[in-house]
Amino acid sequence: MSWRNELLAVWAVTLRNALMGSRNVFFFFELLFWPIVGVLSIGLMSRFLELTPEQASFVLVGTIALSVINVCQLEVAYAVLLDVWSKSLKHQFLAPIGIRHLTLGSWVVGMVRSSVVFVLLTVLGWWAFDFEVLRPGWLALGTFLMGCFLTAWVVGVAVCALITLFGNRAEAFAWATVNLVLVLAGIYYPVSVLPDWIAVIARAIPLTYFLDAYRSYYGFPSEFATPVATGLALSVVYGALAHWAFLAAIQRARRTGLLLKMSE
């Protein structure tokens, strides 16, 4: 298949998700309300507790990462959820597109929307709490955002696999999985404060390393030798595993007839 056909297939999924999202009134609620509430509540809490500017930046970085990843991974999960809700899942996999097109197209929309959320929250954080998101520099910021996007992609594809494997009962994974990952990755605290056996799990999560690398610019010593390289390597491994799991889930759903049960 030519690169042109590959790009057209990805663009078709991107356009579909963008159009379906723009018609959903709850999209604007999801995009704006909860992220703003999160930054305001954490920022005001840090002011009440009289945290230092560095400590306040530490928790605000985690809050912004939470919102960016949540919006992006939901968009990836919508690649399957939208078809489950409309009872048209079998038609999705009859179309001349592959899993790579489905996940990449959804990821593109997710990155665009979460970038909008990121800009909004950083402006709010700067205006209300003097949070300087550009303090680490453009390169560090870009690396941090890419780490958030990659984490969201992996989680979103894994959620797609779970929904395809277990059906409508697994819809809750779209909202629960990412929050579990973020809690383990230390969005509001360093992983060194976690119990040893939980810290081992945290060190297996790519976001842990991207947060560590970015927070090092705010006066917190890095806990890892090469956090960015480790985070990228883990993201590649988990991305491949998540896509393999998604493919295996589709094949099983075809064999068991679950694909037809979730369609009309």
C-alpha atoms as a PDB file:
ATOM      1  CA  MET A   1       0.000   0.000   0.000  1.00  0.00           C
ATOM      2  CA  SER A   2       1.339   3.447  -0.921  1.00  0.00           C
ATOM      3  CA  TRP A   3       2.007   6.210   1.583  1.00  0.00           C
ATOM      4  CA  ARG A   4      -0.741   8.244  -0.084  1.00  0.00           C
ATOM      5  CA  ASN A   5      -3.325   5.558   0.620  1.00  0.00           C
ATOM      6  CA  GLU A   6      -2.054   5.181   4.163  1.00  0.00           C
ATOM      7  CA  LEU A   7      -2.404   8.909   4.803  1.00  0.00           C
ATOM      8  CA  LEU A   8      -5.854   9.007   3.215  1.00  0.00           C
ATOM      9  CA  ALA A   9      -7.032   6.176   5.476  1.00  0.00           C
ATOM     10  CA  VAL A  10      -5.702   7.956   8.563  1.00  0.00           C
ATOM     11  CA  TRP A  11      -7.260  11.233   7.404  1.00  0.00           C
ATOM     12  CA  ALA A  12     -10.639   9.530   6.893  1.00  0.00           C
ATOM     13  CA  VAL A  13     -10.677   8.366  10.532  1.00  0.00           C
ATOM     14  CA  THR A  14      -9.443  11.763  11.712  1.00  0.00           C
ATOM     15  CA  LEU A  15     -12.227  13.543   9.840  1.00  0.00           C
ATOM     16  CA  ARG A  16     -14.873  11.118  11.099  1.00  0.00           C
ATOM     17  CA  ASN A  17     -13.903  11.550  14.741  1.00  0.00           C
ATOM     18  CA  ALA A  18     -13.623  15.315  14.410  1.00  0.00           C
ATOM     19  CA  LEU A  19     -17.074  15.607  12.827  1.00  0.00           C
ATOM     20  CA  MET A  20     -18.750  13.290  15.330  1.00  0.00           C
ATOM     21  CA  GLY A  21     -17.108  15.077  18.228  1.00  0.00           C
ATOM     22  CA  SER A  22     -18.147  18.523  16.983  1.00  0.00           C
ATOM     23  CA  ARG A  23     -21.796  17.431  16.998  1.00  0.00           C
ATOM     24  CA  ASN A  24     -21.640  16.306  20.607  1.00  0.00           C
ATOM     25  CA  VAL A  25     -22.616  19.082  23.029  1.00  0.00           C
ATOM     26  CA  PHE A  26     -20.907  17.227  25.882  1.00  0.00           C
ATOM     27  CA  PHE A  27     -17.608  17.550  24.000  1.00  0.00           C
ATOM     28  CA  PHE A  28     -17.303  21.199  25.051  1.00  0.00           C
ATOM     29  CA  PHE A  29     -18.162  20.286  28.637  1.00  0.00           C
ATOM     30  CA  GLU A  30     -15.504  17.578  28.603  1.00  0.00           C
ATOM     31  CA  LEU A  31     -12.979  19.803  26.861  1.00  0.00           C
ATOM     32  CA  LEU A  32     -13.298  22.866  29.105  1.00  0.00           C
ATOM     33  CA  PHE A  33     -15.152  22.343  32.365  1.00  0.00           C
ATOM     34  CA  TRP A  34     -13.310  19.563  34.197  1.00  0.00           C
ATOM     35  CA  PRO A  35      -9.771  20.660  33.215  1.00  0.00           C
ATOM     36  CA  ILE A  36     -10.485  24.215  34.394  1.00  0.00           C
ATOM     37  CA  VAL A  37     -12.002  22.968  37.642  1.00  0.00           C
ATOM     38  CA  GLY A  38      -8.959  20.736  38.174  1.00  0.00           C
ATOM     39  CA  VAL A  39      -6.399  23.528  37.789  1.00  0.00           C
ATOM     40  CA  LEU A  40      -8.395  25.997  39.883  1.00  0.00           C
ATOM     41  CA  SER A  41      -8.996  23.538  42.720  1.00  0.00           C
ATOM     42  CA  ILE A  42      -5.376  22.335  42.871  1.00  0.00           C
ATOM     43  CA  GLY A  43      -4.025  25.862  42.496  1.00  0.00           C
ATOM     44  CA  LEU A  44      -6.235  27.211  45.288  1.00  0.00           C
ATOM     45  CA  MET A  45      -5.350  24.247  47.495  1.00  0.00           C
ATOM     46  CA  SER A  46      -1.630  24.942  46.991  1.00  0.00           C
ATOM     47  CA  ARG A  47      -2.222  28.574  47.970  1.00  0.00           C
ATOM     48  CA  PHE A  48      -4.181  27.559  51.084  1.00  0.00           C
ATOM     49  CA  LEU A  49      -1.414  25.149  52.131  1.00  0.00           C
ATOM     50  CA  GLU A  50       1.161  27.908  51.478  1.00  0.00           C
ATOM     51  CA  LEU A  51       3.267  25.771  49.188  1.00  0.00           C
ATOM     52  CA  THR A  52       6.437  27.237  47.721  1.00  0.00           C
ATOM     53  CA  PRO A  53       6.322  28.253  44.030  1.00  0.00           C
ATOM     54  CA  GLU A  54       8.308  25.114  43.182  1.00  0.00           C
ATOM     55  CA  GLN A  55       5.935  22.844  45.094  1.00  0.00           C
ATOM     56  CA  ALA A  56       2.913  24.527  43.527  1.00  0.00           C
ATOM     57  CA  SER A  57       4.471  24.023  40.088  1.00  0.00           C
ATOM     58  CA  PHE A  58       5.023  20.340  40.930  1.00  0.00           C
ATOM     59  CA  VAL A  59       1.322  19.661  41.527  1.00  0.00           C
ATOM     60  CA  LEU A  60       0.136  21.942  38.717  1.00  0.00           C
ATOM     61  CA  VAL A  61       2.294  20.013  36.242  1.00  0.00           C
ATOM     62  CA  GLY A  62       0.525  16.851  37.380  1.00  0.00           C
ATOM     63  CA  THR A  63      -2.908  18.448  37.093  1.00  0.00           C
ATOM     64  CA  ILE A  64      -2.260  19.674  33.560  1.00  0.00           C
ATOM     65  CA  ALA A  65      -0.840  16.280  32.550  1.00  0.00           C
ATOM     66  CA  LEU A  66      -3.980  14.633  33.932  1.00  0.00           C
ATOM     67  CA  SER A  67      -6.264  16.786  31.778  1.00  0.00           C
ATOM     68  CA  VAL A  68      -4.155  16.507  28.621  1.00  0.00           C
ATOM     69  CA  ILE A  69      -3.880  12.712  28.835  1.00  0.00           C
ATOM     70  CA  ASN A  70      -7.513  12.217  29.764  1.00  0.00           C
ATOM     71  CA  VAL A  71      -8.829  14.222  26.794  1.00  0.00           C
ATOM     72  CA  CYS A  72      -6.408  12.575  24.348  1.00  0.00           C
ATOM     73  CA  GLN A  73      -6.953   8.981  25.474  1.00  0.00           C
ATOM     74  CA  LEU A  74     -10.738   9.392  25.442  1.00  0.00           C
ATOM     75  CA  GLU A  75     -10.527  10.436  21.818  1.00  0.00           C
ATOM     76  CA  VAL A  76      -8.532   7.302  21.006  1.00  0.00           C
ATOM     77  CA  ALA A  77     -11.064   5.181  22.903  1.00  0.00           C
ATOM     78  CA  TYR A  78     -13.860   6.841  20.936  1.00  0.00           C
ATOM     79  CA  ALA A  79     -12.504   5.002  17.881  1.00  0.00           C
ATOM     80  CA  VAL A  80     -14.398   1.983  19.231  1.00  0.00           C
ATOM     81  CA  LEU A  81     -16.856   3.560  21.653  1.00  0.00           C
ATOM     82  CA  LEU A  82     -18.599   5.638  18.986  1.00  0.00           C
ATOM     83  CA  ASP A  83     -19.314   2.495  16.987  1.00  0.00           C
ATOM     84  CA  VAL A  84     -20.392   0.555  20.077  1.00  0.00           C
ATOM     85  CA  TRP A  85     -22.883   3.271  20.991  1.00  0.00           C
ATOM     86  CA  SER A  86     -24.228   3.487  17.435  1.00  0.00           C
ATOM     87  CA  LYS A  87     -24.389  -0.337  17.092  1.00  0.00           C
ATOM     88  CA  SER A  88     -22.174  -0.266  14.003  1.00  0.00           C
ATOM     89  CA  LEU A  89     -18.979  -1.909  15.194  1.00  0.00           C
ATOM     90  CA  LYS A  90     -18.966  -4.648  12.549  1.00  0.00           C
ATOM     91  CA  HIS A  91     -19.164  -2.038   9.790  1.00  0.00           C
ATOM     92  CA  GLN A  92     -16.045  -0.360  11.156  1.00  0.00           C
ATOM     93  CA  PHE A  93     -13.977  -3.494  10.643  1.00  0.00           C
ATOM     94  CA  LEU A  94     -15.503  -4.194   7.225  1.00  0.00           C
ATOM     95  CA  ALA A  95     -14.184  -0.860   5.965  1.00  0.00           C
ATOM     96  CA  PRO A  96     -10.863  -0.873   4.046  1.00  0.00           C
ATOM     97  CA  ILE A  97      -8.858   0.485   6.977  1.00  0.00           C
ATOM     98  CA  GLY A  98      -6.576  -1.218   9.454  1.00  0.00           C
ATOM     99  CA  ILE A  99      -6.102  -0.886  13.177  1.00  0.00           C
ATOM    100  CA  ARG A 100      -3.155   1.433  12.613  1.00  0.00           C
ATOM    101  CA  HIS A 101      -5.374   3.850  10.671  1.00  0.00           C
ATOM    102  CA  LEU A 102      -8.079   3.693  13.315  1.00  0.00           C
ATOM    103  CA  THR A 103      -5.781   4.419  16.233  1.00  0.00           C
ATOM    104  CA  LEU A 104      -3.588   6.972  14.465  1.00  0.00           C
ATOM    105  CA  GLY A 105      -6.529   8.948  13.095  1.00  0.00           C
ATOM    106  CA  SER A 106      -8.180   9.085  16.500  1.00  0.00           C
ATOM    107  CA  TRP A 107      -4.865   9.989  18.115  1.00  0.00           C
ATOM    108  CA  VAL A 108      -4.409  12.970  15.799  1.00  0.00           C
ATOM    109  CA  VAL A 109      -7.789  14.382  16.850  1.00  0.00           C
ATOM    110  CA  GLY A 110      -6.919  13.663  20.484  1.00  0.00           C
ATOM    111  CA  MET A 111      -3.613  15.530  20.224  1.00  0.00           C
ATOM    112  CA  VAL A 112      -5.291  18.564  18.681  1.00  0.00           C
ATOM    113  CA  ARG A 113      -8.004  18.727  21.333  1.00  0.00           C
ATOM    114  CA  SER A 114      -5.666  18.083  24.243  1.00  0.00           C
ATOM    115  CA  SER A 115      -3.302  20.756  22.878  1.00  0.00           C
ATOM    116  CA  VAL A 116      -6.181  23.231  23.078  1.00  0.00           C
ATOM    117  CA  VAL A 117      -6.774  22.131  26.680  1.00  0.00           C
ATOM    118  CA  PHE A 118      -3.056  22.484  27.441  1.00  0.00           C
ATOM    119  CA  VAL A 119      -2.883  26.052  26.122  1.00  0.00           C
ATOM    120  CA  LEU A 120      -6.015  27.023  28.038  1.00  0.00           C
ATOM    121  CA  LEU A 121      -4.757  25.546  31.304  1.00  0.00           C
ATOM    122  CA  THR A 122      -1.266  27.011  31.039  1.00  0.00           C
ATOM    123  CA  VAL A 123      -2.706  30.479  30.442  1.00  0.00           C
ATOM    124  CA  LEU A 124      -5.029  29.994  33.415  1.00  0.00           C
ATOM    125  CA  GLY A 125      -2.179  28.706  35.570  1.00  0.00           C
ATOM    126  CA  TRP A 126       0.026  31.662  34.627  1.00  0.00           C
ATOM    127  CA  TRP A 127      -2.733  34.231  35.214  1.00  0.00           C
ATOM    128  CA  ALA A 128      -4.068  32.818  38.490  1.00  0.00           C
ATOM    129  CA  PHE A 129      -1.045  31.155  40.089  1.00  0.00           C
ATOM    130  CA  ASP A 130       2.084  32.514  38.332  1.00  0.00           C
ATOM    131  CA  PHE A 131       2.857  29.080  36.908  1.00  0.00           C
ATOM    132  CA  GLU A 132       5.577  29.371  34.242  1.00  0.00           C
ATOM    133  CA  VAL A 133       5.091  26.488  31.842  1.00  0.00           C
ATOM    134  CA  LEU A 134       7.889  27.696  29.550  1.00  0.00           C
ATOM    135  CA  ARG A 135      10.450  27.839  32.325  1.00  0.00           C
ATOM    136  CA  PRO A 136      12.073  24.535  31.214  1.00  0.00           C
ATOM    137  CA  GLY A 137      12.262  25.733  27.580  1.00  0.00           C
ATOM    138  CA  TRP A 138      10.505  24.745  24.364  1.00  0.00           C
ATOM    139  CA  LEU A 139      12.400  21.476  23.881  1.00  0.00           C
ATOM    140  CA  ALA A 140      11.636  20.182  27.362  1.00  0.00           C
ATOM    141  CA  LEU A 141       8.014  21.288  27.026  1.00  0.00           C
ATOM    142  CA  GLY A 142       7.644  19.583  23.651  1.00  0.00           C
ATOM    143  CA  THR A 143       9.178  16.381  25.010  1.00  0.00           C
ATOM    144  CA  PHE A 144       6.835  16.447  27.993  1.00  0.00           C
ATOM    145  CA  LEU A 145       3.776  16.949  25.795  1.00  0.00           C
ATOM    146  CA  MET A 146       4.846  14.152  23.463  1.00  0.00           C
ATOM    147  CA  GLY A 147       5.239  11.901  26.496  1.00  0.00           C
ATOM    148  CA  CYS A 148       1.690  12.754  27.564  1.00  0.00           C
ATOM    149  CA  PHE A 149       0.382  12.078  24.043  1.00  0.00           C
ATOM    150  CA  LEU A 150       2.183   8.741  23.824  1.00  0.00           C
ATOM    151  CA  THR A 151       0.848   7.682  27.223  1.00  0.00           C
ATOM    152  CA  ALA A 152      -2.664   8.634  26.132  1.00  0.00           C
ATOM    153  CA  TRP A 153      -2.267   6.670  22.892  1.00  0.00           C
ATOM    154  CA  VAL A 154      -1.157   3.519  24.691  1.00  0.00           C
ATOM    155  CA  VAL A 155      -3.950   3.736  27.265  1.00  0.00           C
ATOM    156  CA  GLY A 156      -6.553   4.540  24.612  1.00  0.00           C
ATOM    157  CA  VAL A 157      -5.602   1.572  22.422  1.00  0.00           C
ATOM    158  CA  ALA A 158      -5.609  -0.708  25.472  1.00  0.00           C
ATOM    159  CA  VAL A 159      -9.122   0.516  26.308  1.00  0.00           C
ATOM    160  CA  CYS A 160     -10.209  -0.234  22.727  1.00  0.00           C
ATOM    161  CA  ALA A 161      -8.894  -3.769  23.153  1.00  0.00           C
ATOM    162  CA  LEU A 162     -10.764  -4.240  26.441  1.00  0.00           C
ATOM    163  CA  ILE A 163     -14.051  -2.945  25.001  1.00  0.00           C
ATOM    164  CA  THR A 164     -13.708  -5.194  21.944  1.00  0.00           C
ATOM    165  CA  LEU A 165     -12.885  -8.147  24.182  1.00  0.00           C
ATOM    166  CA  PHE A 166     -15.602  -7.727  26.826  1.00  0.00           C
ATOM    167  CA  GLY A 167     -18.256  -5.654  25.044  1.00  0.00           C
ATOM    168  CA  ASN A 168     -20.426  -2.894  26.509  1.00  0.00           C
ATOM    169  CA  ARG A 169     -19.618  -3.986  30.050  1.00  0.00           C
ATOM    170  CA  ALA A 170     -16.089  -2.645  29.627  1.00  0.00           C
ATOM    171  CA  GLU A 171     -17.067   0.953  28.777  1.00  0.00           C
ATOM    172  CA  ALA A 172     -16.082   2.059  32.281  1.00  0.00           C
ATOM    173  CA  PHE A 173     -12.454   1.252  31.393  1.00  0.00           C
ATOM    174  CA  ALA A 174     -12.434   4.363  29.172  1.00  0.00           C
ATOM    175  CA  TRP A 175     -12.584   6.551  32.276  1.00  0.00           C
ATOM    176  CA  ALA A 176     -11.114   4.319  34.991  1.00  0.00           C
ATOM    177  CA  THR A 177      -7.943   3.026  33.321  1.00  0.00           C
ATOM    178  CA  VAL A 178      -6.263   6.366  32.729  1.00  0.00           C
ATOM    179  CA  ASN A 179      -6.915   7.547  36.291  1.00  0.00           C
ATOM    180  CA  LEU A 180      -5.322   4.396  37.694  1.00  0.00           C
ATOM    181  CA  VAL A 181      -2.272   4.896  35.479  1.00  0.00           C
ATOM    182  CA  LEU A 182      -1.956   8.551  36.482  1.00  0.00           C
ATOM    183  CA  VAL A 183      -2.215   7.806  40.194  1.00  0.00           C
ATOM    184  CA  LEU A 184       0.555   5.218  39.917  1.00  0.00           C
ATOM    185  CA  ALA A 185       2.710   7.561  37.818  1.00  0.00           C
ATOM    186  CA  GLY A 186       2.780  10.175  40.597  1.00  0.00           C
ATOM    187  CA  ILE A 187       0.845  13.135  39.238  1.00  0.00           C
ATOM    188  CA  TYR A 188       0.795  14.872  42.634  1.00  0.00           C
ATOM    189  CA  TYR A 189       3.803  13.305  44.356  1.00  0.00           C
ATOM    190  CA  PRO A 190       7.176  11.720  43.552  1.00  0.00           C
ATOM    191  CA  VAL A 191       7.081   7.950  43.163  1.00  0.00           C
ATOM    192  CA  SER A 192       9.715   7.691  45.902  1.00  0.00           C
ATOM    193  CA  VAL A 193       6.954   8.192  48.502  1.00  0.00           C
ATOM    194  CA  LEU A 194       5.063   5.132  47.290  1.00  0.00           C
ATOM    195  CA  PRO A 195       5.426   1.726  48.978  1.00  0.00           C
ATOM    196  CA  ASP A 196       8.214  -0.311  47.396  1.00  0.00           C
ATOM    197  CA  TRP A 197       5.959  -2.779  45.584  1.00  0.00           C
ATOM    198  CA  ILE A 198       3.828   0.023  44.118  1.00  0.00           C
ATOM    199  CA  ALA A 199       6.933   2.012  43.168  1.00  0.00           C
ATOM    200  CA  VAL A 200       8.048  -0.953  41.052  1.00  0.00           C
ATOM    201  CA  ILE A 201       4.782  -0.682  39.086  1.00  0.00           C
ATOM    202  CA  ALA A 202       5.197   3.090  38.813  1.00  0.00           C
ATOM    203  CA  ARG A 203       8.644   2.629  37.267  1.00  0.00           C
ATOM    204  CA  ALA A 204       7.068   0.537  34.520  1.00  0.00           C
ATOM    205  CA  ILE A 205       4.827   3.441  33.424  1.00  0.00           C
ATOM    206  CA  PRO A 206       6.261   5.778  30.747  1.00  0.00           C
ATOM    207  CA  LEU A 207       4.573   8.888  32.162  1.00  0.00           C
ATOM    208  CA  THR A 208       6.525   8.487  35.398  1.00  0.00           C
ATOM    209  CA  TYR A 209       9.718   9.322  33.516  1.00  0.00           C
ATOM    210  CA  PHE A 210       8.311  12.217  31.506  1.00  0.00           C
ATOM    211  CA  LEU A 211       6.952  13.847  34.665  1.00  0.00           C
ATOM    212  CA  ASP A 212      10.283  13.314  36.400  1.00  0.00           C
ATOM    213  CA  ALA A 213      12.238  14.891  33.533  1.00  0.00           C
ATOM    214  CA  TYR A 214       9.978  17.932  33.267  1.00  0.00           C
ATOM    215  CA  ARG A 215       9.789  18.565  37.011  1.00  0.00           C
ATOM    216  CA  SER A 216      13.582  18.559  37.259  1.00  0.00           C
ATOM    217  CA  TYR A 217      13.490  22.061  35.733  1.00  0.00           C
ATOM    218  CA  TYR A 218      11.470  23.291  38.719  1.00  0.00           C
ATOM    219  CA  GLY A 219      14.074  22.421  41.332  1.00  0.00           C
ATOM    220  CA  PHE A 220      13.310  18.755  41.950  1.00  0.00           C
ATOM    221  CA  PRO A 221      16.253  16.386  41.367  1.00  0.00           C
ATOM    222  CA  SER A 222      15.552  13.677  38.815  1.00  0.00           C
ATOM    223  CA  GLU A 223      15.064  10.222  40.321  1.00  0.00           C
ATOM    224  CA  PHE A 224      16.182   8.456  37.138  1.00  0.00           C
ATOM    225  CA  ALA A 225      19.385   8.527  35.096  1.00  0.00           C
ATOM    226  CA  THR A 226      17.853   8.868  31.608  1.00  0.00           C
ATOM    227  CA  PRO A 227      14.137   9.559  32.121  1.00  0.00           C
ATOM    228  CA  VAL A 228      13.271  10.740  28.600  1.00  0.00           C
ATOM    229  CA  ALA A 229      14.977   7.845  26.818  1.00  0.00           C
ATOM    230  CA  THR A 230      13.428   5.342  29.224  1.00  0.00           C
ATOM    231  CA  GLY A 231       9.968   6.860  28.817  1.00  0.00           C
ATOM    232  CA  LEU A 232      10.199   6.786  25.031  1.00  0.00           C
ATOM    233  CA  ALA A 233      11.440   3.187  24.995  1.00  0.00           C
ATOM    234  CA  LEU A 234       8.614   2.033  27.264  1.00  0.00           C
ATOM    235  CA  SER A 235       6.065   3.913  25.145  1.00  0.00           C
ATOM    236  CA  VAL A 236       7.214   2.106  21.998  1.00  0.00           C
ATOM    237  CA  VAL A 237       7.062  -1.293  23.709  1.00  0.00           C
ATOM    238  CA  TYR A 238       3.628  -0.677  25.244  1.00  0.00           C
ATOM    239  CA  GLY A 239       2.317   0.835  22.030  1.00  0.00           C
ATOM    240  CA  ALA A 240       3.227  -2.334  20.128  1.00  0.00           C
ATOM    241  CA  LEU A 241       1.743  -4.555  22.850  1.00  0.00           C
ATOM    242  CA  ALA A 242      -1.481  -2.533  22.976  1.00  0.00           C
ATOM    243  CA  HIS A 243      -1.949  -2.804  19.206  1.00  0.00           C
ATOM    244  CA  TRP A 244      -1.263  -6.539  19.321  1.00  0.00           C
ATOM    245  CA  ALA A 245      -3.841  -6.900  22.098  1.00  0.00           C
ATOM    246  CA  PHE A 246      -6.363  -4.862  20.079  1.00  0.00           C
ATOM    247  CA  LEU A 247      -5.840  -7.083  17.031  1.00  0.00           C
ATOM    248  CA  ALA A 248      -6.174 -10.243  19.141  1.00  0.00           C
ATOM    249  CA  ALA A 249      -9.370  -8.875  20.725  1.00  0.00           C
ATOM    250  CA  ILE A 250     -10.892  -8.205  17.291  1.00  0.00           C
ATOM    251  CA  GLN A 251     -10.051 -11.711  16.085  1.00  0.00           C
ATOM    252  CA  ARG A 252     -11.584 -13.237  19.210  1.00  0.00           C
ATOM    253  CA  ALA A 253     -14.712 -11.078  18.904  1.00  0.00           C
ATOM    254  CA  ARG A 254     -15.153 -12.341  15.355  1.00  0.00           C
ATOM    255  CA  ARG A 255     -14.821 -15.967  16.450  1.00  0.00           C
ATOM    256  CA  THR A 256     -17.215 -15.658  19.382  1.00  0.00           C
ATOM    257  CA  GLY A 257     -19.777 -13.525  17.560  1.00  0.00           C
ATOM    258  CA  LEU A 258     -19.394 -10.618  19.985  1.00  0.00           C
ATOM    259  CA  LEU A 259     -18.704  -8.299  17.064  1.00  0.00           C
ATOM    260  CA  LEU A 260     -22.175  -9.036  15.660  1.00  0.00           C
ATOM    261  CA  LYS A 261     -23.825  -8.732  19.074  1.00  0.00           C
ATOM    262  CA  MET A 262     -22.480  -5.181  19.423  1.00  0.00           C
ATOM    263  CA  SER A 263     -23.837  -4.273  15.969  1.00  0.00           C
ATOM    264  CA  GLU A 264     -27.128  -4.126  14.152  1.00  0.00           C
END
